[in-house]
Amino acid sequence: MLPVDLRQFECFIVVAEEGNVSRAAARLHMTQPPLTRRIVRLERAVGVRLFIRTPSGVELTEAGTLLLDQAYRIVQLTEHAIDRARLADAGQAGSLVVGYFGSPMFDAVPRLLRAFLETRPAVSLVLERAAKNMQADAIRDGRMHLGFSRQYRSEPGLAVRHVASEPLYLALPEAHPLLQAGKAELGDLREQQLVLFPAAPRPSFADEVSQLCAQAGFTAHVVREAGDVLTALGYVASAGFCSVVPRSATGIALPGVGFVPLADTPPERLSCLYRADNTPSLVNAFLDHVSATSSEAG
């Protein structure tokens, strides 16, 4: 079978629509002889006659009528594929696979992604819960585009971008005196039984809380290490312990748990992890979005 190119199908469609080779040539901005040669080559490639001559021009054969329907689809699919490729290259289309871990999914990550996707209807989102070490492996292998968490360590071939900050709060059991006060300071943690999270991988938010306590001149009295913020809050609700949490966790409604701001602590940083080299266009577009929105917010 002889090769068929897209231009032959385009020419075939116009001749079929016009029913006249001269009018079709004018519409295609070409002369009649090369147009006729294209149609002849297409008929040879297909192996059947596509047109019959009439006093006023040409008409489709039965085979030509069947081919016309498919030719429309081929041209439309090709144009669609080209458009999608161009959009993907511009960071406007494709599938964005995002890994997350912990409390960022309760506030900052959905807000960032929603604002990014609102202007990119051709982008589909895939969310995967994954710890930081799993995110790093998946991003390095190309199975994931972005990861969101806190306290990323340096990883070969990967880069980290700060994307948001949020204040720290103290989660307390109901009727705790500090709830009545409406705020707390690091020194108030000295006598508290604390639940830290996550237990792994390290470094983690748990390490940061321990360091804050050390800087305040005491060692945190850690009675439990939880795998995630929800489990930590479960200990607060069930066992009466306390836990330091980012503001995003204050939206988790558990019975018997209240929150007060931890006034004398720096804000907690949320970061995203991505490939440092050969960064996908969608990731670059997201990073540009973060930079633009940060500038607007400032």
C-alpha atoms as a PDB file:
ATOM      1  CA  MET A   1       0.000   0.000   0.000  1.00  0.00           C
ATOM      2  CA  LEU A   2       1.327   3.436  -0.944  1.00  0.00           C
ATOM      3  CA  PRO A   3       1.740   6.028   1.872  1.00  0.00           C
ATOM      4  CA  VAL A   4      -1.033   8.569   2.403  1.00  0.00           C
ATOM      5  CA  ASP A   5      -0.345  11.991   3.923  1.00  0.00           C
ATOM      6  CA  LEU A   6      -2.675  14.384   5.697  1.00  0.00           C
ATOM      7  CA  ARG A   7      -2.597  16.908   2.873  1.00  0.00           C
ATOM      8  CA  GLN A   8      -4.072  14.323   0.501  1.00  0.00           C
ATOM      9  CA  PHE A   9      -7.015  13.848   2.854  1.00  0.00           C
ATOM     10  CA  GLU A  10      -7.478  17.616   3.150  1.00  0.00           C
ATOM     11  CA  CYS A  11      -7.528  17.969  -0.610  1.00  0.00           C
ATOM     12  CA  PHE A  12      -9.908  15.017  -0.958  1.00  0.00           C
ATOM     13  CA  ILE A  13     -12.332  16.595   1.546  1.00  0.00           C
ATOM     14  CA  VAL A  14     -12.406  19.966  -0.242  1.00  0.00           C
ATOM     15  CA  VAL A  15     -12.961  18.361  -3.673  1.00  0.00           C
ATOM     16  CA  ALA A  16     -15.786  16.274  -2.192  1.00  0.00           C
ATOM     17  CA  GLU A  17     -17.387  19.338  -0.599  1.00  0.00           C
ATOM     18  CA  GLU A  18     -17.103  21.505  -3.714  1.00  0.00           C
ATOM     19  CA  GLY A  19     -17.965  18.784  -6.233  1.00  0.00           C
ATOM     20  CA  ASN A  20     -15.696  20.591  -8.653  1.00  0.00           C
ATOM     21  CA  VAL A  21     -11.899  20.404  -8.970  1.00  0.00           C
ATOM     22  CA  SER A  22     -11.477  23.992 -10.198  1.00  0.00           C
ATOM     23  CA  ARG A  23     -13.454  25.462  -7.288  1.00  0.00           C
ATOM     24  CA  ALA A  24     -11.631  23.183  -4.858  1.00  0.00           C
ATOM     25  CA  ALA A  25      -8.257  24.338  -6.243  1.00  0.00           C
ATOM     26  CA  ALA A  26      -9.240  27.981  -5.778  1.00  0.00           C
ATOM     27  CA  ARG A  27     -10.368  27.294  -2.210  1.00  0.00           C
ATOM     28  CA  LEU A  28      -7.078  25.529  -1.475  1.00  0.00           C
ATOM     29  CA  HIS A  29      -5.069  28.377  -3.082  1.00  0.00           C
ATOM     30  CA  MET A  30      -3.455  26.058  -5.614  1.00  0.00           C
ATOM     31  CA  THR A  31      -3.746  25.319  -9.300  1.00  0.00           C
ATOM     32  CA  GLN A  32      -5.844  22.490 -10.688  1.00  0.00           C
ATOM     33  CA  PRO A  33      -3.102  20.146 -12.048  1.00  0.00           C
ATOM     34  CA  PRO A  34      -1.306  19.527  -8.690  1.00  0.00           C
ATOM     35  CA  LEU A  35      -4.661  19.068  -6.981  1.00  0.00           C
ATOM     36  CA  THR A  36      -5.668  16.478  -9.576  1.00  0.00           C
ATOM     37  CA  ARG A  37      -2.346  14.678  -9.082  1.00  0.00           C
ATOM     38  CA  ARG A  38      -2.950  14.505  -5.304  1.00  0.00           C
ATOM     39  CA  ILE A  39      -6.370  12.957  -5.814  1.00  0.00           C
ATOM     40  CA  VAL A  40      -4.961  10.443  -8.306  1.00  0.00           C
ATOM     41  CA  ARG A  41      -2.179   9.478  -5.847  1.00  0.00           C
ATOM     42  CA  LEU A  42      -4.765   9.034  -3.095  1.00  0.00           C
ATOM     43  CA  GLU A  43      -6.878   6.763  -5.319  1.00  0.00           C
ATOM     44  CA  ARG A  44      -3.798   4.707  -6.137  1.00  0.00           C
ATOM     45  CA  ALA A  45      -2.873   4.439  -2.454  1.00  0.00           C
ATOM     46  CA  VAL A  46      -6.384   3.386  -1.461  1.00  0.00           C
ATOM     47  CA  GLY A  47      -6.746   1.128  -4.497  1.00  0.00           C
ATOM     48  CA  VAL A  48     -10.242   2.266  -5.454  1.00  0.00           C
ATOM     49  CA  ARG A  49     -11.868   5.009  -7.484  1.00  0.00           C
ATOM     50  CA  LEU A  50     -13.107   7.860  -5.254  1.00  0.00           C
ATOM     51  CA  PHE A  51     -14.764  10.199  -7.792  1.00  0.00           C
ATOM     52  CA  ILE A  52     -16.678   9.922 -11.042  1.00  0.00           C
ATOM     53  CA  ARG A  53     -16.779  12.784 -13.516  1.00  0.00           C
ATOM     54  CA  THR A  54     -20.067  14.572 -14.227  1.00  0.00           C
ATOM     55  CA  PRO A  55     -20.956  17.419 -16.643  1.00  0.00           C
ATOM     56  CA  SER A  56     -20.727  19.885 -13.716  1.00  0.00           C
ATOM     57  CA  GLY A  57     -17.715  18.439 -11.934  1.00  0.00           C
ATOM     58  CA  VAL A  58     -17.218  15.289  -9.846  1.00  0.00           C
ATOM     59  CA  GLU A  59     -19.271  13.093  -7.529  1.00  0.00           C
ATOM     60  CA  LEU A  60     -18.175  10.665  -4.857  1.00  0.00           C
ATOM     61  CA  THR A  61     -18.313   6.959  -5.518  1.00  0.00           C
ATOM     62  CA  GLU A  62     -19.722   4.693  -2.814  1.00  0.00           C
ATOM     63  CA  ALA A  63     -16.154   4.012  -1.669  1.00  0.00           C
ATOM     64  CA  GLY A  64     -15.414   7.742  -1.719  1.00  0.00           C
ATOM     65  CA  THR A  65     -18.439   8.450   0.462  1.00  0.00           C
ATOM     66  CA  LEU A  66     -17.261   5.955   3.051  1.00  0.00           C
ATOM     67  CA  LEU A  67     -13.718   7.338   2.951  1.00  0.00           C
ATOM     68  CA  LEU A  68     -14.958  10.917   3.336  1.00  0.00           C
ATOM     69  CA  ASP A  69     -16.434  10.180   6.754  1.00  0.00           C
ATOM     70  CA  GLN A  70     -13.155   8.685   7.937  1.00  0.00           C
ATOM     71  CA  ALA A  71     -11.107  11.467   6.319  1.00  0.00           C
ATOM     72  CA  TYR A  72     -12.981  14.059   8.400  1.00  0.00           C
ATOM     73  CA  ARG A  73     -12.171  12.104  11.545  1.00  0.00           C
ATOM     74  CA  ILE A  74      -8.510  11.673  10.608  1.00  0.00           C
ATOM     75  CA  VAL A  75      -8.054  15.392   9.977  1.00  0.00           C
ATOM     76  CA  GLN A  76      -9.935  16.367  13.149  1.00  0.00           C
ATOM     77  CA  LEU A  77      -7.987  13.896  15.289  1.00  0.00           C
ATOM     78  CA  THR A  78      -4.709  15.098  13.822  1.00  0.00           C
ATOM     79  CA  GLU A  79      -5.559  18.735  14.440  1.00  0.00           C
ATOM     80  CA  HIS A  80      -6.667  17.873  17.970  1.00  0.00           C
ATOM     81  CA  ALA A  81      -3.437  15.967  18.628  1.00  0.00           C
ATOM     82  CA  ILE A  82      -1.346  18.878  17.349  1.00  0.00           C
ATOM     83  CA  ASP A  83      -3.301  21.346  19.487  1.00  0.00           C
ATOM     84  CA  ARG A  84      -2.867  19.139  22.562  1.00  0.00           C
ATOM     85  CA  ALA A  85       0.852  18.804  21.915  1.00  0.00           C
ATOM     86  CA  ARG A  86       1.223  22.573  21.643  1.00  0.00           C
ATOM     87  CA  LEU A  87      -0.827  23.096  24.807  1.00  0.00           C
ATOM     88  CA  ALA A  88       1.242  20.492  26.633  1.00  0.00           C
ATOM     89  CA  ASP A  89       4.454  22.196  25.549  1.00  0.00           C
ATOM     90  CA  ALA A  90       3.058  25.469  26.934  1.00  0.00           C
ATOM     91  CA  GLY A  91       2.032  23.830  30.221  1.00  0.00           C
ATOM     92  CA  GLN A  92      -1.658  24.108  29.348  1.00  0.00           C
ATOM     93  CA  ALA A  93      -2.580  20.443  28.880  1.00  0.00           C
ATOM     94  CA  GLY A  94      -1.700  16.975  30.070  1.00  0.00           C
ATOM     95  CA  SER A  95      -1.931  14.978  33.274  1.00  0.00           C
ATOM     96  CA  LEU A  96      -0.404  16.416  36.463  1.00  0.00           C
ATOM     97  CA  VAL A  97       0.457  13.698  39.001  1.00  0.00           C
ATOM     98  CA  VAL A  98       0.831  15.179  42.490  1.00  0.00           C
ATOM     99  CA  GLY A  99       2.018  13.474  45.657  1.00  0.00           C
ATOM    100  CA  TYR A 100       1.138  14.792  49.095  1.00  0.00           C
ATOM    101  CA  PHE A 101       1.607  13.867  52.699  1.00  0.00           C
ATOM    102  CA  GLY A 102      -0.017  15.124  55.870  1.00  0.00           C
ATOM    103  CA  SER A 103      -1.843  18.293  56.769  1.00  0.00           C
ATOM    104  CA  PRO A 104      -1.000  20.343  53.626  1.00  0.00           C
ATOM    105  CA  MET A 105      -3.884  18.518  51.917  1.00  0.00           C
ATOM    106  CA  PHE A 106      -6.305  20.049  54.424  1.00  0.00           C
ATOM    107  CA  ASP A 107      -5.748  23.601  53.152  1.00  0.00           C
ATOM    108  CA  ALA A 108      -2.767  24.912  51.215  1.00  0.00           C
ATOM    109  CA  VAL A 109      -2.318  22.220  48.552  1.00  0.00           C
ATOM    110  CA  PRO A 110      -5.963  22.200  47.331  1.00  0.00           C
ATOM    111  CA  ARG A 111      -5.991  25.988  47.164  1.00  0.00           C
ATOM    112  CA  LEU A 112      -2.767  26.128  45.164  1.00  0.00           C
ATOM    113  CA  LEU A 113      -3.855  23.416  42.742  1.00  0.00           C
ATOM    114  CA  ARG A 114      -7.371  24.751  42.297  1.00  0.00           C
ATOM    115  CA  ALA A 115      -6.110  28.238  41.411  1.00  0.00           C
ATOM    116  CA  PHE A 116      -3.617  26.717  38.950  1.00  0.00           C
ATOM    117  CA  LEU A 117      -6.166  24.441  37.277  1.00  0.00           C
ATOM    118  CA  GLU A 118      -8.931  27.032  36.976  1.00  0.00           C
ATOM    119  CA  THR A 119      -7.188  28.596  33.973  1.00  0.00           C
ATOM    120  CA  ARG A 120      -6.132  25.234  32.507  1.00  0.00           C
ATOM    121  CA  PRO A 121      -9.249  23.192  31.711  1.00  0.00           C
ATOM    122  CA  ALA A 122      -7.234  20.798  29.542  1.00  0.00           C
ATOM    123  CA  VAL A 123      -5.105  19.670  32.497  1.00  0.00           C
ATOM    124  CA  SER A 124      -6.217  16.594  34.460  1.00  0.00           C
ATOM    125  CA  LEU A 125      -5.137  16.097  38.064  1.00  0.00           C
ATOM    126  CA  VAL A 126      -4.073  12.833  39.726  1.00  0.00           C
ATOM    127  CA  LEU A 127      -3.516  12.873  43.511  1.00  0.00           C
ATOM    128  CA  GLU A 128      -1.461  10.220  45.296  1.00  0.00           C
ATOM    129  CA  ARG A 129      -0.798   9.988  49.041  1.00  0.00           C
ATOM    130  CA  ALA A 130       2.910   9.311  49.415  1.00  0.00           C
ATOM    131  CA  ALA A 131       5.565   9.889  52.056  1.00  0.00           C
ATOM    132  CA  LYS A 132       8.475  12.156  51.171  1.00  0.00           C
ATOM    133  CA  ASN A 133      10.906   9.368  50.309  1.00  0.00           C
ATOM    134  CA  MET A 134       8.303   7.758  48.029  1.00  0.00           C
ATOM    135  CA  GLN A 135       7.639  11.119  46.372  1.00  0.00           C
ATOM    136  CA  ALA A 136      11.339  11.578  45.676  1.00  0.00           C
ATOM    137  CA  ASP A 137      11.670   8.166  44.007  1.00  0.00           C
ATOM    138  CA  ALA A 138       8.509   8.637  41.933  1.00  0.00           C
ATOM    139  CA  ILE A 139       9.482  12.135  40.756  1.00  0.00           C
ATOM    140  CA  ARG A 140      12.994  11.022  39.873  1.00  0.00           C
ATOM    141  CA  ASP A 141      11.569   8.105  37.856  1.00  0.00           C
ATOM    142  CA  GLY A 142       9.013  10.304  36.078  1.00  0.00           C
ATOM    143  CA  ARG A 143       5.986   8.601  37.667  1.00  0.00           C
ATOM    144  CA  MET A 144       5.066  11.770  39.563  1.00  0.00           C
ATOM    145  CA  HIS A 145       5.468  15.452  38.713  1.00  0.00           C
ATOM    146  CA  LEU A 146       5.183  17.292  42.028  1.00  0.00           C
ATOM    147  CA  GLY A 147       5.316  16.423  45.693  1.00  0.00           C
ATOM    148  CA  PHE A 148       4.025  18.491  48.627  1.00  0.00           C
ATOM    149  CA  SER A 149       5.196  18.191  52.203  1.00  0.00           C
ATOM    150  CA  ARG A 150       7.406  19.840  54.817  1.00  0.00           C
ATOM    151  CA  GLN A 151      11.064  19.484  55.752  1.00  0.00           C
ATOM    152  CA  TYR A 152      12.368  17.967  52.506  1.00  0.00           C
ATOM    153  CA  ARG A 153      15.972  16.881  52.674  1.00  0.00           C
ATOM    154  CA  SER A 154      18.395  17.420  49.811  1.00  0.00           C
ATOM    155  CA  GLU A 155      17.869  14.834  47.070  1.00  0.00           C
ATOM    156  CA  PRO A 156      20.101  14.287  44.011  1.00  0.00           C
ATOM    157  CA  GLY A 157      18.461  15.499  40.820  1.00  0.00           C
ATOM    158  CA  LEU A 158      15.550  17.129  42.662  1.00  0.00           C
ATOM    159  CA  ALA A 159      14.733  20.707  43.661  1.00  0.00           C
ATOM    160  CA  VAL A 160      12.590  22.186  46.434  1.00  0.00           C
ATOM    161  CA  ARG A 161      10.460  25.335  46.201  1.00  0.00           C
ATOM    162  CA  HIS A 162       8.829  27.089  49.130  1.00  0.00           C
ATOM    163  CA  VAL A 163       5.173  27.634  48.190  1.00  0.00           C
ATOM    164  CA  ALA A 164       3.349  28.692  51.367  1.00  0.00           C
ATOM    165  CA  SER A 165       3.699  29.437  55.063  1.00  0.00           C
ATOM    166  CA  GLU A 166       1.263  29.009  57.926  1.00  0.00           C
ATOM    167  CA  PRO A 167       1.354  29.729  61.662  1.00  0.00           C
ATOM    168  CA  LEU A 168       1.552  27.034  64.305  1.00  0.00           C
ATOM    169  CA  TYR A 169      -1.209  26.128  66.739  1.00  0.00           C
ATOM    170  CA  LEU A 170      -1.429  24.024  69.868  1.00  0.00           C
ATOM    171  CA  ALA A 171      -4.070  21.282  69.816  1.00  0.00           C
ATOM    172  CA  LEU A 172      -5.511  20.761  73.288  1.00  0.00           C
ATOM    173  CA  PRO A 173      -8.129  18.584  74.951  1.00  0.00           C
ATOM    174  CA  GLU A 174     -11.347  20.354  75.868  1.00  0.00           C
ATOM    175  CA  ALA A 175     -11.379  22.137  79.230  1.00  0.00           C
ATOM    176  CA  HIS A 176      -7.608  22.686  79.095  1.00  0.00           C
ATOM    177  CA  PRO A 177      -6.734  26.020  80.781  1.00  0.00           C
ATOM    178  CA  LEU A 178      -4.835  27.274  77.742  1.00  0.00           C
ATOM    179  CA  LEU A 179      -8.045  27.103  75.704  1.00  0.00           C
ATOM    180  CA  GLN A 180      -9.544  29.642  78.068  1.00  0.00           C
ATOM    181  CA  ALA A 181      -6.518  31.890  77.637  1.00  0.00           C
ATOM    182  CA  GLY A 182      -7.001  31.877  73.854  1.00  0.00           C
ATOM    183  CA  LYS A 183      -3.304  31.620  73.029  1.00  0.00           C
ATOM    184  CA  ALA A 184      -0.134  29.797  74.077  1.00  0.00           C
ATOM    185  CA  GLU A 185       3.622  30.270  73.963  1.00  0.00           C
ATOM    186  CA  LEU A 186       6.442  27.779  73.625  1.00  0.00           C
ATOM    187  CA  GLY A 187       7.140  27.953  77.349  1.00  0.00           C
ATOM    188  CA  ASP A 188       3.629  26.620  77.986  1.00  0.00           C
ATOM    189  CA  LEU A 189       4.692  23.319  76.425  1.00  0.00           C
ATOM    190  CA  ARG A 190       7.258  22.646  79.141  1.00  0.00           C
ATOM    191  CA  GLU A 191       4.811  20.713  81.335  1.00  0.00           C
ATOM    192  CA  GLN A 192       2.633  19.271  78.572  1.00  0.00           C
ATOM    193  CA  GLN A 193       2.547  15.657  77.383  1.00  0.00           C
ATOM    194  CA  LEU A 194       3.159  16.017  73.668  1.00  0.00           C
ATOM    195  CA  VAL A 195       2.331  13.905  70.635  1.00  0.00           C
ATOM    196  CA  LEU A 196       4.670  14.629  67.715  1.00  0.00           C
ATOM    197  CA  PHE A 197       4.186  13.683  64.064  1.00  0.00           C
ATOM    198  CA  PRO A 198       5.119  12.273  61.658  1.00  0.00           C
ATOM    199  CA  ALA A 199       7.209   9.486  63.142  1.00  0.00           C
ATOM    200  CA  ALA A 200       9.042   8.939  59.806  1.00  0.00           C
ATOM    201  CA  PRO A 201      10.703   9.676  57.492  1.00  0.00           C
ATOM    202  CA  ARG A 202      13.140  12.113  59.081  1.00  0.00           C
ATOM    203  CA  PRO A 203      13.816  15.023  59.115  1.00  0.00           C
ATOM    204  CA  SER A 204      10.197  15.889  59.807  1.00  0.00           C
ATOM    205  CA  PHE A 205       7.832  18.334  61.410  1.00  0.00           C
ATOM    206  CA  ALA A 206       8.321  16.387  64.666  1.00  0.00           C
ATOM    207  CA  ASP A 207      12.019  17.285  64.627  1.00  0.00           C
ATOM    208  CA  GLU A 208      11.192  20.944  64.092  1.00  0.00           C
ATOM    209  CA  VAL A 209       8.884  21.024  67.122  1.00  0.00           C
ATOM    210  CA  SER A 210      11.564  19.356  69.258  1.00  0.00           C
ATOM    211  CA  GLN A 211      14.109  21.941  68.087  1.00  0.00           C
ATOM    212  CA  LEU A 212      11.753  24.819  68.921  1.00  0.00           C
ATOM    213  CA  CYS A 213      11.369  23.461  72.446  1.00  0.00           C
ATOM    214  CA  ALA A 214      15.147  23.092  72.795  1.00  0.00           C
ATOM    215  CA  GLN A 215      15.654  26.676  71.651  1.00  0.00           C
ATOM    216  CA  ALA A 216      13.180  27.751  74.331  1.00  0.00           C
ATOM    217  CA  GLY A 217      15.375  26.026  76.948  1.00  0.00           C
ATOM    218  CA  PHE A 218      13.651  22.722  77.650  1.00  0.00           C
ATOM    219  CA  THR A 219      13.287  19.213  76.281  1.00  0.00           C
ATOM    220  CA  ALA A 220       9.872  18.336  74.911  1.00  0.00           C
ATOM    221  CA  HIS A 221       8.049  15.728  76.965  1.00  0.00           C
ATOM    222  CA  VAL A 222       7.110  13.428  74.075  1.00  0.00           C
ATOM    223  CA  VAL A 223       4.758  10.620  75.087  1.00  0.00           C
ATOM    224  CA  ARG A 224       3.782   9.438  71.585  1.00  0.00           C
ATOM    225  CA  GLU A 225       4.924   9.727  67.975  1.00  0.00           C
ATOM    226  CA  ALA A 226       2.109   9.497  65.451  1.00  0.00           C
ATOM    227  CA  GLY A 227       2.251   8.617  61.782  1.00  0.00           C
ATOM    228  CA  ASP A 228       0.225  11.649  60.723  1.00  0.00           C
ATOM    229  CA  VAL A 229      -1.669  14.664  62.025  1.00  0.00           C
ATOM    230  CA  LEU A 230      -5.020  12.906  62.182  1.00  0.00           C
ATOM    231  CA  THR A 231      -3.612  10.202  64.457  1.00  0.00           C
ATOM    232  CA  ALA A 232      -1.939  12.858  66.606  1.00  0.00           C
ATOM    233  CA  LEU A 233      -5.261  14.647  67.037  1.00  0.00           C
ATOM    234  CA  GLY A 234      -6.838  11.310  67.855  1.00  0.00           C
ATOM    235  CA  TYR A 235      -4.472  11.081  70.836  1.00  0.00           C
ATOM    236  CA  VAL A 236      -5.440  14.605  71.891  1.00  0.00           C
ATOM    237  CA  ALA A 237      -9.123  13.722  71.736  1.00  0.00           C
ATOM    238  CA  SER A 238      -8.823  10.293  73.351  1.00  0.00           C
ATOM    239  CA  ALA A 239      -5.905  10.441  75.781  1.00  0.00           C
ATOM    240  CA  GLY A 240      -5.793  14.107  76.698  1.00  0.00           C
ATOM    241  CA  PHE A 241      -2.327  14.763  75.257  1.00  0.00           C
ATOM    242  CA  CYS A 242      -1.318  17.946  73.376  1.00  0.00           C
ATOM    243  CA  SER A 243       0.164  18.407  69.916  1.00  0.00           C
ATOM    244  CA  VAL A 244       1.696  21.225  67.892  1.00  0.00           C
ATOM    245  CA  VAL A 245       0.028  21.468  64.486  1.00  0.00           C
ATOM    246  CA  PRO A 246       0.085  23.813  61.473  1.00  0.00           C
ATOM    247  CA  ARG A 247      -2.981  26.000  60.981  1.00  0.00           C
ATOM    248  CA  SER A 248      -4.278  23.742  58.175  1.00  0.00           C
ATOM    249  CA  ALA A 249      -4.924  21.029  60.780  1.00  0.00           C
ATOM    250  CA  THR A 250      -7.281  23.282  62.751  1.00  0.00           C
ATOM    251  CA  GLY A 251      -9.963  22.550  60.176  1.00  0.00           C
ATOM    252  CA  ILE A 252     -10.123  18.921  61.325  1.00  0.00           C
ATOM    253  CA  ALA A 253     -13.154  18.615  63.568  1.00  0.00           C
ATOM    254  CA  LEU A 254     -12.659  15.968  66.262  1.00  0.00           C
ATOM    255  CA  PRO A 255     -14.814  15.921  69.395  1.00  0.00           C
ATOM    256  CA  GLY A 256     -13.055  17.221  72.476  1.00  0.00           C
ATOM    257  CA  VAL A 257     -10.219  18.999  70.635  1.00  0.00           C
ATOM    258  CA  GLY A 258      -9.599  22.742  70.589  1.00  0.00           C
ATOM    259  CA  PHE A 259      -6.868  24.927  69.123  1.00  0.00           C
ATOM    260  CA  VAL A 260      -5.018  28.052  70.209  1.00  0.00           C
ATOM    261  CA  PRO A 261      -2.321  29.936  68.282  1.00  0.00           C
ATOM    262  CA  LEU A 262       1.269  29.331  69.361  1.00  0.00           C
ATOM    263  CA  ALA A 263       2.225  32.980  69.479  1.00  0.00           C
ATOM    264  CA  ASP A 264       6.029  33.021  69.648  1.00  0.00           C
ATOM    265  CA  THR A 265       6.900  30.538  66.891  1.00  0.00           C
ATOM    266  CA  PRO A 266       7.925  31.199  63.286  1.00  0.00           C
ATOM    267  CA  PRO A 267       5.493  30.166  60.537  1.00  0.00           C
ATOM    268  CA  GLU A 268       5.782  26.653  59.176  1.00  0.00           C
ATOM    269  CA  ARG A 269       6.939  26.359  55.568  1.00  0.00           C
ATOM    270  CA  LEU A 270       5.248  24.190  52.963  1.00  0.00           C
ATOM    271  CA  SER A 271       7.356  23.142  49.989  1.00  0.00           C
ATOM    272  CA  CYS A 272       7.009  21.299  46.717  1.00  0.00           C
ATOM    273  CA  LEU A 273       9.488  18.807  45.301  1.00  0.00           C
ATOM    274  CA  TYR A 274      10.196  18.436  41.574  1.00  0.00           C
ATOM    275  CA  ARG A 275      12.829  17.430  39.041  1.00  0.00           C
ATOM    276  CA  ALA A 276      15.708  19.899  38.822  1.00  0.00           C
ATOM    277  CA  ASP A 277      16.621  18.965  35.222  1.00  0.00           C
ATOM    278  CA  ASN A 278      14.314  18.341  32.265  1.00  0.00           C
ATOM    279  CA  THR A 279      11.492  19.792  34.315  1.00  0.00           C
ATOM    280  CA  PRO A 280       8.111  18.995  32.691  1.00  0.00           C
ATOM    281  CA  SER A 281       6.303  21.945  31.108  1.00  0.00           C
ATOM    282  CA  LEU A 282       3.335  21.538  33.457  1.00  0.00           C
ATOM    283  CA  VAL A 283       5.622  21.764  36.474  1.00  0.00           C
ATOM    284  CA  ASN A 284       7.308  24.890  35.111  1.00  0.00           C
ATOM    285  CA  ALA A 285       3.871  26.393  34.534  1.00  0.00           C
ATOM    286  CA  PHE A 286       2.888  25.604  38.128  1.00  0.00           C
ATOM    287  CA  LEU A 287       6.088  27.143  39.494  1.00  0.00           C
ATOM    288  CA  ASP A 288       5.485  30.265  37.398  1.00  0.00           C
ATOM    289  CA  HIS A 289       1.952  30.389  38.799  1.00  0.00           C
ATOM    290  CA  VAL A 290       3.286  30.174  42.361  1.00  0.00           C
ATOM    291  CA  SER A 291       5.788  32.967  41.680  1.00  0.00           C
ATOM    292  CA  ALA A 292       3.117  35.188  40.117  1.00  0.00           C
ATOM    293  CA  THR A 293       0.569  34.680  42.866  1.00  0.00           C
ATOM    294  CA  SER A 294       3.222  35.213  45.554  1.00  0.00           C
ATOM    295  CA  SER A 295       4.169  38.495  43.915  1.00  0.00           C
ATOM    296  CA  GLU A 296       0.534  39.553  43.731  1.00  0.00           C
ATOM    297  CA  ALA A 297       0.021  38.646  47.355  1.00  0.00           C
ATOM    298  CA  GLY A 298       3.061  40.711  48.312  1.00  0.00           C
END
